[in-house]
PDB file of N, CA and C in Angstrom:
ATOM      1  N   MET A   1     -34.747-120.088 154.145  1.00  0.00           N
ATOM      2  CA  MET A   1     -35.847-120.066 154.926  1.00  0.00           C
ATOM      3  C   MET A   1     -35.570-119.899 156.223  1.00  0.00           C
ATOM      4  N   ASN A   2     -36.280-119.746 157.478  1.00  0.00           N
ATOM      5  CA  ASN A   2     -35.734-119.659 158.920  1.00  0.00           C
ATOM      6  C   ASN A   2     -36.437-120.843 159.228  1.00  0.00           C
ATOM      7  N   ALA A   3     -36.323-121.080 160.768  1.00  0.00           N
ATOM      8  CA  ALA A   3     -37.064-122.140 161.576  1.00  0.00           C
ATOM      9  C   ALA A   3     -38.322-121.853 161.486  1.00  0.00           C
ATOM     10  N   GLN A   4     -38.842-120.620 161.730  1.00  0.00           N
ATOM     11  CA  GLN A   4     -40.343-120.390 161.789  1.00  0.00           C
ATOM     12  C   GLN A   4     -41.012-120.856 160.626  1.00  0.00           C
ATOM     13  N   SER A   5     -40.795-120.274 159.659  1.00  0.00           N
ATOM     14  CA  SER A   5     -41.326-120.667 158.297  1.00  0.00           C
ATOM     15  C   SER A   5     -41.257-122.126 158.160  1.00  0.00           C
ATOM     16  N   ASP A   6     -40.286-122.732 158.539  1.00  0.00           N
ATOM     17  CA  ASP A   6     -40.397-124.290 158.048  1.00  0.00           C
ATOM     18  C   ASP A   6     -41.295-124.884 158.956  1.00  0.00           C
ATOM     19  N   SER A   7     -41.474-124.518 160.398  1.00  0.00           N
ATOM     20  CA  SER A   7     -42.537-125.060 161.221  1.00  0.00           C
ATOM     21  C   SER A   7     -43.916-124.866 160.603  1.00  0.00           C
ATOM     22  N   LEU A   8     -44.218-123.712 160.009  1.00  0.00           N
ATOM     23  CA  LEU A   8     -45.705-123.381 159.601  1.00  0.00           C
ATOM     24  C   LEU A   8     -45.921-123.962 158.525  1.00  0.00           C
ATOM     25  N   LEU A   9     -44.848-124.396 157.263  1.00  0.00           N
ATOM     26  CA  LEU A   9     -44.873-125.493 156.437  1.00  0.00           C
ATOM     27  C   LEU A   9     -45.473-126.744 156.919  1.00  0.00           C
ATOM     28  N   ALA A  10     -44.680-126.983 157.825  1.00  0.00           N
ATOM     29  CA  ALA A  10     -45.092-128.394 158.584  1.00  0.00           C
ATOM     30  C   ALA A  10     -46.345-128.587 159.085  1.00  0.00           C
ATOM     31  N   GLN A  11     -46.942-127.701 159.448  1.00  0.00           N
ATOM     32  CA  GLN A  11     -48.259-127.641 160.280  1.00  0.00           C
ATOM     33  C   GLN A  11     -49.381-127.448 159.052  1.00  0.00           C
ATOM     34  N   ALA A  12     -48.977-126.890 157.882  1.00  0.00           N
ATOM     35  CA  ALA A  12     -49.830-126.869 156.593  1.00  0.00           C
ATOM     36  C   ALA A  12     -50.529-128.215 156.378  1.00  0.00           C
ATOM     37  N   GLY A  13     -49.987-129.144 156.394  1.00  0.00           N
ATOM     38  CA  GLY A  13     -50.619-130.240 156.059  1.00  0.00           C
ATOM     39  C   GLY A  13     -51.811-130.712 157.180  1.00  0.00           C
ATOM     40  N   ARG A  14     -51.730-130.435 158.188  1.00  0.00           N
ATOM     41  CA  ARG A  14     -52.518-131.068 159.535  1.00  0.00           C
ATOM     42  C   ARG A  14     -53.992-130.757 159.343  1.00  0.00           C
ATOM     43  N   PRO A  15     -54.809-131.261 159.575  1.00  0.00           N
ATOM     44  CA  PRO A  15     -56.226-131.394 159.690  1.00  0.00           C
ATOM     45  C   PRO A  15     -56.822-130.084 160.583  1.00  0.00           C
ATOM     46  N   ILE A  16     -57.352-129.100 160.424  1.00  0.00           N
ATOM     47  CA  ILE A  16     -57.855-127.953 161.634  1.00  0.00           C
ATOM     48  C   ILE A  16     -58.806-128.736 162.641  1.00  0.00           C
ATOM     49  N   PRO A  17     -58.834-128.885 163.764  1.00  0.00           N
ATOM     50  CA  PRO A  17     -59.638-129.463 164.275  1.00  0.00           C
ATOM     51  C   PRO A  17     -61.473-129.196 164.226  1.00  0.00           C
ATOM     52  N   ALA A  18     -61.391-127.883 164.053  1.00  0.00           N
ATOM     53  CA  ALA A  18     -62.712-127.075 163.970  1.00  0.00           C
ATOM     54  C   ALA A  18     -63.424-127.499 162.408  1.00  0.00           C
ATOM     55  N   ILE A  19     -62.607-127.635 161.606  1.00  0.00           N
ATOM     56  CA  ILE A  19     -63.021-128.048 160.339  1.00  0.00           C
ATOM     57  C   ILE A  19     -63.531-129.582 160.209  1.00  0.00           C
ATOM     58  N   ALA A  20     -62.732-130.566 161.024  1.00  0.00           N
ATOM     59  CA  ALA A  20     -62.806-131.733 160.871  1.00  0.00           C
ATOM     60  C   ALA A  20     -64.047-132.049 161.485  1.00  0.00           C
ATOM     61  N   LEU A  21     -64.257-131.420 162.811  1.00  0.00           N
ATOM     62  CA  LEU A  21     -65.771-131.295 163.272  1.00  0.00           C
ATOM     63  C   LEU A  21     -67.031-131.093 162.605  1.00  0.00           C
ATOM     64  N   ASP A  22     -66.676-129.947 161.788  1.00  0.00           N
ATOM     65  CA  ASP A  22     -67.907-129.501 160.881  1.00  0.00           C
ATOM     66  C   ASP A  22     -67.927-130.756 159.860  1.00  0.00           C
ATOM     67  N   ARG A  23     -67.199-131.100 159.385  1.00  0.00           N
ATOM     68  CA  ARG A  23     -67.184-132.291 158.491  1.00  0.00           C
ATOM     69  C   ARG A  23     -68.011-133.607 159.362  1.00  0.00           C
ATOM     70  N   ARG A  24     -67.668-134.040 160.203  1.00  0.00           N
ATOM     71  CA  ARG A  24     -68.582-134.974 161.213  1.00  0.00           C
ATOM     72  C   ARG A  24     -69.563-134.802 161.184  1.00  0.00           C
ATOM     73  N   LEU A  25     -70.065-133.368 161.735  1.00  0.00           N
ATOM     74  CA  LEU A  25     -71.399-132.868 161.857  1.00  0.00           C
ATOM     75  C   LEU A  25     -72.404-133.075 160.577  1.00  0.00           C
ATOM     76  N   VAL A  26     -71.736-132.389 159.285  1.00  0.00           N
ATOM     77  CA  VAL A  26     -72.391-132.644 158.332  1.00  0.00           C
ATOM     78  C   VAL A  26     -72.803-133.986 157.976  1.00  0.00           C
ATOM     79  N   ARG A  27     -71.804-134.850 157.824  1.00  0.00           N
ATOM     80  CA  ARG A  27     -71.872-136.112 157.332  1.00  0.00           C
ATOM     81  C   ARG A  27     -72.979-136.788 158.512  1.00  0.00           C
ATOM     82  N   ALA A  28     -73.015-136.488 159.674  1.00  0.00           N
ATOM     83  CA  ALA A  28     -74.164-137.014 160.716  1.00  0.00           C
ATOM     84  C   ALA A  28     -75.307-136.519 160.016  1.00  0.00           C
ATOM     85  N   ILE A  29     -75.446-135.343 159.977  1.00  0.00           N
ATOM     86  CA  ILE A  29     -76.958-134.739 159.489  1.00  0.00           C
ATOM     87  C   ILE A  29     -77.422-135.413 158.022  1.00  0.00           C
ATOM     88  N   VAL A  30     -76.457-135.559 156.948  1.00  0.00           N
ATOM     89  CA  VAL A  30     -77.002-136.117 156.019  1.00  0.00           C
ATOM     90  C   VAL A  30     -77.266-137.741 156.333  1.00  0.00           C
ATOM     91  N   ALA A  31     -76.652-138.290 157.035  1.00  0.00           N
ATOM     92  CA  ALA A  31     -76.958-139.687 157.173  1.00  0.00           C
ATOM     93  C   ALA A  31     -78.642-139.813 158.177  1.00  0.00           C
ATOM     94  N   THR A  32     -78.512-138.705 159.030  1.00  0.00           N
ATOM     95  CA  THR A  32     -80.024-138.850 159.374  1.00  0.00           C
ATOM     96  C   THR A  32     -80.906-138.404 158.559  1.00  0.00           C
ATOM     97  N   LEU A  33     -80.979-137.528 157.732  1.00  0.00           N
ATOM     98  CA  LEU A  33     -81.778-137.314 156.467  1.00  0.00           C
ATOM     99  C   LEU A  33     -82.283-138.466 155.527  1.00  0.00           C
ATOM    100  N   VAL A  34     -80.941-139.180 155.399  1.00  0.00           N
ATOM    101  CA  VAL A  34     -81.393-140.401 154.152  1.00  0.00           C
ATOM    102  C   VAL A  34     -82.162-141.344 155.216  1.00  0.00           C
ATOM    103  N   ILE A  35     -81.657-141.467 156.437  1.00  0.00           N
ATOM    104  CA  ILE A  35     -82.397-142.728 157.122  1.00  0.00           C
ATOM    105  C   ILE A  35     -83.932-142.355 157.510  1.00  0.00           C
ATOM    106  N   GLY A  36     -84.024-140.927 157.694  1.00  0.00           N
ATOM    107  CA  GLY A  36     -85.585-140.404 158.029  1.00  0.00           C
ATOM    108  C   GLY A  36     -86.153-140.473 156.681  1.00  0.00           C
ATOM    109  N   GLY A  37     -85.599-140.220 155.561  1.00  0.00           N
ATOM    110  CA  GLY A  37     -86.487-140.314 154.394  1.00  0.00           C
ATOM    111  C   GLY A  37     -86.814-141.500 154.041  1.00  0.00           C
ATOM    112  N   TYR A  38     -85.806-142.333 154.364  1.00  0.00           N
ATOM    113  CA  TYR A  38     -85.967-144.129 154.143  1.00  0.00           C
ATOM    114  C   TYR A  38     -87.099-144.636 154.743  1.00  0.00           C
ATOM    115  N   MET A  39     -87.498-144.198 156.267  1.00  0.00           N
ATOM    116  CA  MET A  39     -88.383-144.594 156.996  1.00  0.00           C
ATOM    117  C   MET A  39     -89.696-143.591 156.823  1.00  0.00           C
ATOM    118  N   ALA A  40     -89.637-142.657 156.116  1.00  0.00           N
ATOM    119  CA  ALA A  40     -91.088-141.927 155.706  1.00  0.00           C
ATOM    120  C   ALA A  40     -91.357-142.784 154.537  1.00  0.00           C
ATOM    121  N   PHE A  41     -90.448-143.019 153.710  1.00  0.00           N
ATOM    122  CA  PHE A  41     -91.029-143.704 152.543  1.00  0.00           C
ATOM    123  C   PHE A  41     -92.080-145.150 153.001  1.00  0.00           C
ATOM    124  N   GLY A  42     -91.485-145.675 153.933  1.00  0.00           N
ATOM    125  CA  GLY A  42     -92.051-146.863 154.357  1.00  0.00           C
ATOM    126  C   GLY A  42     -93.492-146.634 155.089  1.00  0.00           C
ATOM    127  N   PHE A  43     -93.242-145.632 155.814  1.00  0.00           N
ATOM    128  CA  PHE A  43     -94.537-145.319 156.409  1.00  0.00           C
ATOM    129  C   PHE A  43     -95.510-144.513 155.623  1.00  0.00           C
ATOM    130  N   ALA A  44     -95.217-143.649 154.511  1.00  0.00           N
ATOM    131  CA  ALA A  44     -95.977-143.063 153.784  1.00  0.00           C
ATOM    132  C   ALA A  44     -96.695-144.276 152.618  1.00  0.00           C
ATOM    133  N   PHE A  45     -96.084-145.045 152.164  1.00  0.00           N
ATOM    134  CA  PHE A  45     -96.578-146.187 151.449  1.00  0.00           C
ATOM    135  C   PHE A  45     -97.042-147.651 152.109  1.00  0.00           C
ATOM    136  N   GLY A  46     -96.702-147.522 153.533  1.00  0.00           N
ATOM    137  CA  GLY A  46     -97.394-148.865 153.839  1.00  0.00           C
ATOM    138  C   GLY A  46     -96.500-149.994 153.447  1.00  0.00           C
ATOM    139  N   LEU A  47     -95.137-149.700 153.206  1.00  0.00           N
ATOM    140  CA  LEU A  47     -94.423-150.889 152.847  1.00  0.00           C
ATOM    141  C   LEU A  47     -94.239-152.195 153.904  1.00  0.00           C
ATOM    142  N   GLY A  48     -94.016-153.436 152.938  1.00  0.00           N
ATOM    143  CA  GLY A  48     -93.977-154.271 153.836  1.00  0.00           C
ATOM    144  C   GLY A  48     -92.195-154.738 154.137  1.00  0.00           C
ATOM    145  N   ALA A  49     -91.987-155.824 154.714  1.00  0.00           N
ATOM    146  CA  ALA A  49     -90.504-155.960 154.754  1.00  0.00           C
ATOM    147  C   ALA A  49     -89.874-156.344 153.435  1.00  0.00           C
ATOM    148  N   GLU A  50     -90.159-156.925 152.916  1.00  0.00           N
ATOM    149  CA  GLU A  50     -89.891-157.077 151.260  1.00  0.00           C
ATOM    150  C   GLU A  50     -89.432-155.960 150.652  1.00  0.00           C
ATOM    151  N   ALA A  51     -90.439-155.016 150.617  1.00  0.00           N
ATOM    152  CA  ALA A  51     -90.553-153.819 149.873  1.00  0.00           C
ATOM    153  C   ALA A  51     -89.383-152.856 150.445  1.00  0.00           C
ATOM    154  N   TYR A  52     -89.378-152.822 151.820  1.00  0.00           N
ATOM    155  CA  TYR A  52     -88.472-151.920 152.569  1.00  0.00           C
ATOM    156  C   TYR A  52     -86.949-152.402 152.165  1.00  0.00           C
ATOM    157  N   LEU A  53     -86.800-153.629 152.003  1.00  0.00           N
ATOM    158  CA  LEU A  53     -85.272-154.444 151.755  1.00  0.00           C
ATOM    159  C   LEU A  53     -85.076-153.756 150.225  1.00  0.00           C
ATOM    160  N   LEU A  54     -86.040-153.739 149.319  1.00  0.00           N
ATOM    161  CA  LEU A  54     -85.799-153.211 147.997  1.00  0.00           C
ATOM    162  C   LEU A  54     -85.579-151.906 147.908  1.00  0.00           C
ATOM    163  N   LEU A  55     -86.101-151.163 148.598  1.00  0.00           N
ATOM    164  CA  LEU A  55     -85.919-149.545 148.788  1.00  0.00           C
ATOM    165  C   LEU A  55     -84.633-149.420 149.325  1.00  0.00           C
ATOM    166  N   GLY A  56     -83.968-150.206 150.045  1.00  0.00           N
ATOM    167  CA  GLY A  56     -82.737-149.957 150.949  1.00  0.00           C
ATOM    168  C   GLY A  56     -81.712-150.400 149.930  1.00  0.00           C
ATOM    169  N   ILE A  57     -81.858-151.121 148.892  1.00  0.00           N
ATOM    170  CA  ILE A  57     -80.607-151.694 147.893  1.00  0.00           C
ATOM    171  C   ILE A  57     -79.777-150.355 147.671  1.00  0.00           C
ATOM    172  N   PRO A  58     -80.613-149.313 146.790  1.00  0.00           N
ATOM    173  CA  PRO A  58     -79.634-148.143 146.404  1.00  0.00           C
ATOM    174  C   PRO A  58     -78.991-147.283 147.616  1.00  0.00           C
ATOM    175  N   ILE A  59     -79.598-147.390 148.617  1.00  0.00           N
ATOM    176  CA  ILE A  59     -78.488-146.786 149.947  1.00  0.00           C
ATOM    177  C   ILE A  59     -77.537-147.628 150.425  1.00  0.00           C
ATOM    178  N   THR A  60     -77.459-149.041 150.256  1.00  0.00           N
ATOM    179  CA  THR A  60     -76.205-149.923 150.850  1.00  0.00           C
ATOM    180  C   THR A  60     -75.472-150.316 149.772  1.00  0.00           C
ATOM    181  N   ARG A  61     -75.753-150.018 148.496  1.00  0.00           N
ATOM    182  CA  ARG A  61     -74.887-150.208 147.329  1.00  0.00           C
ATOM    183  C   ARG A  61     -73.657-149.004 147.106  1.00  0.00           C
ATOM    184  N   SER A  62     -72.859-149.726 146.950  1.00  0.00           N
ATOM    185  CA  SER A  62     -71.614-148.563 146.876  1.00  0.00           C
ATOM    186  C   SER A  62     -70.564-148.868 145.472  1.00  0.00           C
ATOM    187  N   ASP A  63     -70.891-147.814 144.770  1.00  0.00           N
ATOM    188  CA  ASP A  63     -69.954-148.039 143.566  1.00  0.00           C
ATOM    189  C   ASP A  63     -68.409-147.851 143.952  1.00  0.00           C
ATOM    190  N   ARG A  64     -67.823-147.559 144.991  1.00  0.00           N
ATOM    191  CA  ARG A  64     -66.514-147.508 145.165  1.00  0.00           C
ATOM    192  C   ARG A  64     -65.784-148.388 145.146  1.00  0.00           C
ATOM    193  N   SER A  65     -64.534-148.379 144.405  1.00  0.00           N
ATOM    194  CA  SER A  65     -63.925-149.652 144.524  1.00  0.00           C
ATOM    195  C   SER A  65     -62.596-149.483 145.088  1.00  0.00           C
TER     196      SER A  65
END
């Protein structure tokens, strides 16, 4: 191997900024849709504070260890 191919291999593990930006944008859109859906349920069914809290349990619960 020559020095040029070694430098290309070293750069292969680095994230590409354009892809990282797209992932952040997608995550922001998904988060906005989830919160918007949560609010829409509350408005559509006229939920009180307690019902809102119960509805939010699946949103805030995380099964990741």
